[in-house]
Amino acid sequence: MSFININLAMTTGGNGYKTDAYINGKEAKEVKRLKGIPAHFRGQCYQPKSKGSKQIYCI
């Protein structure tokens, strides 16, 4: 069993609200919805910014 630590923080900037995301302590970026996710899923998908990271987490 493995645990994934995802931290989201809302910050305000010059152009409104922005979500800062960190996955296991590494900065992540918001990515588009993946194909195959059920239509009723209303969450967001994030991917670590580090090079070579292909794993995407949808929460």
C-alpha atoms as a PDB file:
ATOM      1  CA  MET A   1       0.000   0.000   0.000  1.00  0.00           C
ATOM      2  CA  SER A   2       1.373   3.401  -0.927  1.00  0.00           C
ATOM      3  CA  PHE A   3       0.226   6.846   0.081  1.00  0.00           C
ATOM      4  CA  ILE A   4       0.209   9.941  -2.091  1.00  0.00           C
ATOM      5  CA  ASN A   5       0.375  13.327  -0.420  1.00  0.00           C
ATOM      6  CA  ILE A   6      -1.388  16.014  -2.463  1.00  0.00           C
ATOM      7  CA  ASN A   7      -1.453  19.603  -1.155  1.00  0.00           C
ATOM      8  CA  LEU A   8      -3.555  22.300  -2.784  1.00  0.00           C
ATOM      9  CA  ALA A   9      -3.340  25.965  -1.819  1.00  0.00           C
ATOM     10  CA  MET A  10      -5.446  28.800  -3.183  1.00  0.00           C
ATOM     11  CA  THR A  11      -3.511  32.008  -3.674  1.00  0.00           C
ATOM     12  CA  THR A  12      -4.573  35.352  -5.058  1.00  0.00           C
ATOM     13  CA  GLY A  13      -2.554  37.013  -7.748  1.00  0.00           C
ATOM     14  CA  GLY A  14      -2.924  39.911 -10.122  1.00  0.00           C
ATOM     15  CA  ASN A  15      -5.339  37.946 -12.292  1.00  0.00           C
ATOM     16  CA  GLY A  16      -7.536  36.369  -9.615  1.00  0.00           C
ATOM     17  CA  TYR A  17      -7.288  33.080  -7.799  1.00  0.00           C
ATOM     18  CA  LYS A  18      -4.675  30.493  -8.584  1.00  0.00           C
ATOM     19  CA  THR A  19      -4.305  26.961  -7.249  1.00  0.00           C
ATOM     20  CA  ASP A  20      -0.813  25.871  -6.264  1.00  0.00           C
ATOM     21  CA  ALA A  21      -0.515  22.096  -6.203  1.00  0.00           C
ATOM     22  CA  TYR A  22       2.179  19.884  -4.730  1.00  0.00           C
ATOM     23  CA  ILE A  23       2.296  16.089  -5.078  1.00  0.00           C
ATOM     24  CA  ASN A  24       4.579  14.348  -2.587  1.00  0.00           C
ATOM     25  CA  GLY A  25       6.280  17.688  -1.944  1.00  0.00           C
ATOM     26  CA  LYS A  26       7.016  18.412  -5.627  1.00  0.00           C
ATOM     27  CA  GLU A  27       5.338  21.244  -7.497  1.00  0.00           C
ATOM     28  CA  ALA A  28       2.587  20.115  -9.869  1.00  0.00           C
ATOM     29  CA  LYS A  29       0.596  21.714 -12.654  1.00  0.00           C
ATOM     30  CA  GLU A  30      -3.063  21.411 -13.564  1.00  0.00           C
ATOM     31  CA  VAL A  31      -3.649  19.404 -16.727  1.00  0.00           C
ATOM     32  CA  LYS A  32      -6.668  18.806 -18.940  1.00  0.00           C
ATOM     33  CA  ARG A  33      -9.146  16.069 -18.131  1.00  0.00           C
ATOM     34  CA  LEU A  34      -8.100  12.633 -19.262  1.00  0.00           C
ATOM     35  CA  LYS A  35     -10.169  10.696 -21.748  1.00  0.00           C
ATOM     36  CA  GLY A  36     -12.094   7.894 -20.135  1.00  0.00           C
ATOM     37  CA  ILE A  37     -12.890   9.725 -16.902  1.00  0.00           C
ATOM     38  CA  PRO A  38     -16.627   9.478 -16.171  1.00  0.00           C
ATOM     39  CA  ALA A  39     -18.592  12.613 -17.070  1.00  0.00           C
ATOM     40  CA  HIS A  40     -19.890  12.990 -13.507  1.00  0.00           C
ATOM     41  CA  PHE A  41     -16.331  13.448 -12.164  1.00  0.00           C
ATOM     42  CA  ARG A  42     -15.986  17.151 -11.343  1.00  0.00           C
ATOM     43  CA  GLY A  43     -12.462  17.184  -9.925  1.00  0.00           C
ATOM     44  CA  GLN A  44      -9.204  18.417 -11.379  1.00  0.00           C
ATOM     45  CA  CYS A  45      -6.195  16.543 -12.710  1.00  0.00           C
ATOM     46  CA  TYR A  46      -2.614  17.383 -11.751  1.00  0.00           C
ATOM     47  CA  GLN A  47       0.782  16.223 -12.970  1.00  0.00           C
ATOM     48  CA  PRO A  48       4.156  16.792 -11.254  1.00  0.00           C
ATOM     49  CA  LYS A  49       6.237  19.422 -13.079  1.00  0.00           C
ATOM     50  CA  SER A  50       9.454  17.405 -12.829  1.00  0.00           C
ATOM     51  CA  LYS A  51      10.839  16.173 -16.150  1.00  0.00           C
ATOM     52  CA  GLY A  52       9.943  12.637 -17.104  1.00  0.00           C
ATOM     53  CA  SER A  53       6.921  12.502 -14.831  1.00  0.00           C
ATOM     54  CA  LYS A  54       4.045  10.911 -16.714  1.00  0.00           C
ATOM     55  CA  GLN A  55       1.813  10.065 -13.747  1.00  0.00           C
ATOM     56  CA  ILE A  56      -1.359  12.164 -13.506  1.00  0.00           C
ATOM     57  CA  TYR A  57      -3.522  12.376 -10.386  1.00  0.00           C
ATOM     58  CA  CYS A  58      -7.184  13.338 -10.545  1.00  0.00           C
ATOM     59  CA  ILE A  59      -8.835  14.469  -7.322  1.00  0.00           C
END
